[in-house]
Amino acid sequence: MKSWVFTALVCAGIVIVSLSGACAGERKIKVTNGSSSIIVELYASPPELGDYQANILGGATKIAPGASASVTFEDGGACAFDFQAVTGDEDMFTARNVDICASPDVKLPQ
């Protein structure tokens, strides 16, 4: 009986670890430019880090005023992100604590 319970617990642990890994990874969001300038750079950071990493738009993608673009980035399994957009005019817009699990649509400026 004890070995059966132990085996069941080990199997349950493996399933939980597998599922948690499946939640992490790439996330696709839709970013809408609500400004009158072209967005040329976009950064994301979990709110607790406050450290924007690489431009998730990539060098070739730009978002025209009023337009939207699909953006895929590594989310690390997190739902909440701060986003920072930089325009061709060098203005910056920030959207803080955006829950991309609740809605994958991000509008900048908010």
C-alpha atoms as a PDB file:
ATOM      1  CA  MET A   1       0.000   0.000   0.000  1.00  0.00           C
ATOM      2  CA  LYS A   2       2.787   2.432   0.912  1.00  0.00           C
ATOM      3  CA  SER A   3       4.591   1.841  -2.382  1.00  0.00           C
ATOM      4  CA  TRP A   4       1.376   2.481  -4.329  1.00  0.00           C
ATOM      5  CA  VAL A   5       0.820   5.806  -2.526  1.00  0.00           C
ATOM      6  CA  PHE A   6       4.462   6.779  -3.095  1.00  0.00           C
ATOM      7  CA  THR A   7       4.198   5.925  -6.809  1.00  0.00           C
ATOM      8  CA  ALA A   8       1.000   7.967  -7.123  1.00  0.00           C
ATOM      9  CA  LEU A   9       2.617  10.974  -5.442  1.00  0.00           C
ATOM     10  CA  VAL A  10       5.691  10.768  -7.682  1.00  0.00           C
ATOM     11  CA  CYS A  11       3.497  10.577 -10.793  1.00  0.00           C
ATOM     12  CA  ALA A  12       1.405  13.537  -9.608  1.00  0.00           C
ATOM     13  CA  GLY A  13       4.590  15.542  -9.056  1.00  0.00           C
ATOM     14  CA  ILE A  14       5.810  14.761 -12.571  1.00  0.00           C
ATOM     15  CA  VAL A  15       2.488  15.887 -14.045  1.00  0.00           C
ATOM     16  CA  ILE A  16       2.570  19.157 -12.075  1.00  0.00           C
ATOM     17  CA  VAL A  17       6.141  19.913 -13.165  1.00  0.00           C
ATOM     18  CA  SER A  18       5.234  19.142 -16.785  1.00  0.00           C
ATOM     19  CA  LEU A  19       2.200  21.420 -16.683  1.00  0.00           C
ATOM     20  CA  SER A  20       4.107  24.305 -15.127  1.00  0.00           C
ATOM     21  CA  GLY A  21       6.682  24.088 -17.915  1.00  0.00           C
ATOM     22  CA  ALA A  22       3.921  24.116 -20.517  1.00  0.00           C
ATOM     23  CA  CYS A  23       2.654  27.449 -19.193  1.00  0.00           C
ATOM     24  CA  ALA A  24       6.016  29.147 -19.610  1.00  0.00           C
ATOM     25  CA  GLY A  25       7.364  30.095 -22.984  1.00  0.00           C
ATOM     26  CA  GLU A  26       6.482  32.358 -25.822  1.00  0.00           C
ATOM     27  CA  ARG A  27       3.468  34.625 -25.591  1.00  0.00           C
ATOM     28  CA  LYS A  28       1.781  36.338 -28.524  1.00  0.00           C
ATOM     29  CA  ILE A  29       0.194  39.724 -27.862  1.00  0.00           C
ATOM     30  CA  LYS A  30      -1.425  42.369 -30.043  1.00  0.00           C
ATOM     31  CA  VAL A  31       0.046  45.835 -29.577  1.00  0.00           C
ATOM     32  CA  THR A  32      -1.988  48.823 -30.770  1.00  0.00           C
ATOM     33  CA  ASN A  33      -0.388  52.208 -31.288  1.00  0.00           C
ATOM     34  CA  GLY A  34      -2.781  54.828 -29.899  1.00  0.00           C
ATOM     35  CA  SER A  35      -0.339  57.685 -30.442  1.00  0.00           C
ATOM     36  CA  SER A  36       0.268  59.985 -33.396  1.00  0.00           C
ATOM     37  CA  SER A  37       3.870  58.764 -33.805  1.00  0.00           C
ATOM     38  CA  ILE A  38       5.389  55.530 -35.121  1.00  0.00           C
ATOM     39  CA  ILE A  39       6.419  53.052 -32.416  1.00  0.00           C
ATOM     40  CA  VAL A  40       9.937  51.890 -33.291  1.00  0.00           C
ATOM     41  CA  GLU A  41      10.886  50.005 -30.109  1.00  0.00           C
ATOM     42  CA  LEU A  42       8.911  48.020 -27.538  1.00  0.00           C
ATOM     43  CA  TYR A  43      10.168  46.629 -24.252  1.00  0.00           C
ATOM     44  CA  ALA A  44       8.575  44.361 -21.640  1.00  0.00           C
ATOM     45  CA  SER A  45       9.495  43.631 -18.045  1.00  0.00           C
ATOM     46  CA  PRO A  46       7.794  41.902 -15.137  1.00  0.00           C
ATOM     47  CA  PRO A  47       6.731  44.757 -12.786  1.00  0.00           C
ATOM     48  CA  GLU A  48       8.865  43.507  -9.908  1.00  0.00           C
ATOM     49  CA  LEU A  49      12.047  43.689 -12.020  1.00  0.00           C
ATOM     50  CA  GLY A  50      11.658  47.122 -13.574  1.00  0.00           C
ATOM     51  CA  ASP A  51      14.447  46.225 -15.992  1.00  0.00           C
ATOM     52  CA  TYR A  52      13.549  46.380 -19.670  1.00  0.00           C
ATOM     53  CA  GLN A  53      15.566  43.939 -21.749  1.00  0.00           C
ATOM     54  CA  ALA A  54      15.800  43.618 -25.543  1.00  0.00           C
ATOM     55  CA  ASN A  55      13.471  45.344 -27.993  1.00  0.00           C
ATOM     56  CA  ILE A  56      10.681  42.776 -28.505  1.00  0.00           C
ATOM     57  CA  LEU A  57       9.593  44.395 -31.778  1.00  0.00           C
ATOM     58  CA  GLY A  58      12.866  43.479 -33.421  1.00  0.00           C
ATOM     59  CA  GLY A  59      14.703  45.871 -35.685  1.00  0.00           C
ATOM     60  CA  ALA A  60      12.473  45.602 -38.749  1.00  0.00           C
ATOM     61  CA  THR A  61       9.009  45.948 -37.179  1.00  0.00           C
ATOM     62  CA  LYS A  62       7.438  49.339 -36.581  1.00  0.00           C
ATOM     63  CA  ILE A  63       3.849  50.158 -35.594  1.00  0.00           C
ATOM     64  CA  ALA A  64       2.227  53.084 -37.413  1.00  0.00           C
ATOM     65  CA  PRO A  65      -0.195  55.414 -35.597  1.00  0.00           C
ATOM     66  CA  GLY A  66      -3.567  53.680 -35.171  1.00  0.00           C
ATOM     67  CA  ALA A  67      -2.159  50.350 -36.381  1.00  0.00           C
ATOM     68  CA  SER A  68      -1.628  47.074 -34.537  1.00  0.00           C
ATOM     69  CA  ALA A  69       1.052  44.406 -34.700  1.00  0.00           C
ATOM     70  CA  SER A  70       1.376  40.888 -33.336  1.00  0.00           C
ATOM     71  CA  VAL A  71       4.400  40.540 -31.085  1.00  0.00           C
ATOM     72  CA  THR A  72       5.788  37.277 -29.704  1.00  0.00           C
ATOM     73  CA  PHE A  73       8.130  37.299 -26.730  1.00  0.00           C
ATOM     74  CA  GLU A  74       9.371  35.068 -23.914  1.00  0.00           C
ATOM     75  CA  ASP A  75       7.047  35.567 -20.941  1.00  0.00           C
ATOM     76  CA  GLY A  76       8.688  33.190 -18.465  1.00  0.00           C
ATOM     77  CA  GLY A  77       5.222  32.039 -17.402  1.00  0.00           C
ATOM     78  CA  ALA A  78       4.309  35.452 -15.995  1.00  0.00           C
ATOM     79  CA  CYS A  79       1.043  37.290 -16.646  1.00  0.00           C
ATOM     80  CA  ALA A  80       1.812  40.834 -15.476  1.00  0.00           C
ATOM     81  CA  PHE A  81       4.172  43.041 -17.454  1.00  0.00           C
ATOM     82  CA  ASP A  82       5.202  46.656 -17.748  1.00  0.00           C
ATOM     83  CA  PHE A  83       5.516  47.758 -21.379  1.00  0.00           C
ATOM     84  CA  GLN A  84       7.509  50.700 -22.667  1.00  0.00           C
ATOM     85  CA  ALA A  85       7.203  51.982 -26.233  1.00  0.00           C
ATOM     86  CA  VAL A  86       9.651  54.355 -27.885  1.00  0.00           C
ATOM     87  CA  THR A  87       8.509  56.385 -30.885  1.00  0.00           C
ATOM     88  CA  GLY A  88      10.436  57.688 -33.856  1.00  0.00           C
ATOM     89  CA  ASP A  89      10.167  61.118 -32.187  1.00  0.00           C
ATOM     90  CA  GLU A  90      11.949  59.612 -29.137  1.00  0.00           C
ATOM     91  CA  ASP A  91       8.850  59.933 -26.939  1.00  0.00           C
ATOM     92  CA  MET A  92       8.213  57.103 -24.467  1.00  0.00           C
ATOM     93  CA  PHE A  93       4.906  55.597 -23.383  1.00  0.00           C
ATOM     94  CA  THR A  94       4.594  53.181 -20.495  1.00  0.00           C
ATOM     95  CA  ALA A  95       1.778  50.782 -19.604  1.00  0.00           C
ATOM     96  CA  ARG A  96       2.252  49.327 -16.140  1.00  0.00           C
ATOM     97  CA  ASN A  97       1.119  46.029 -14.663  1.00  0.00           C
ATOM     98  CA  VAL A  98      -0.706  44.825 -17.791  1.00  0.00           C
ATOM     99  CA  ASP A  99      -2.260  41.360 -17.336  1.00  0.00           C
ATOM    100  CA  ILE A 100      -1.605  39.669 -20.686  1.00  0.00           C
ATOM    101  CA  CYS A 101      -3.195  36.425 -19.468  1.00  0.00           C
ATOM    102  CA  ALA A 102      -6.550  38.200 -19.011  1.00  0.00           C
ATOM    103  CA  SER A 103      -6.241  39.936 -22.401  1.00  0.00           C
ATOM    104  CA  PRO A 104      -3.418  39.709 -24.957  1.00  0.00           C
ATOM    105  CA  ASP A 105      -4.293  43.197 -26.271  1.00  0.00           C
ATOM    106  CA  VAL A 106      -1.976  46.034 -25.242  1.00  0.00           C
ATOM    107  CA  LYS A 107      -2.631  49.657 -26.240  1.00  0.00           C
ATOM    108  CA  LEU A 108       0.091  52.288 -25.948  1.00  0.00           C
ATOM    109  CA  PRO A 109      -0.382  54.842 -24.644  1.00  0.00           C
ATOM    110  CA  GLN A 110      -3.079  53.413 -22.372  1.00  0.00           C
END
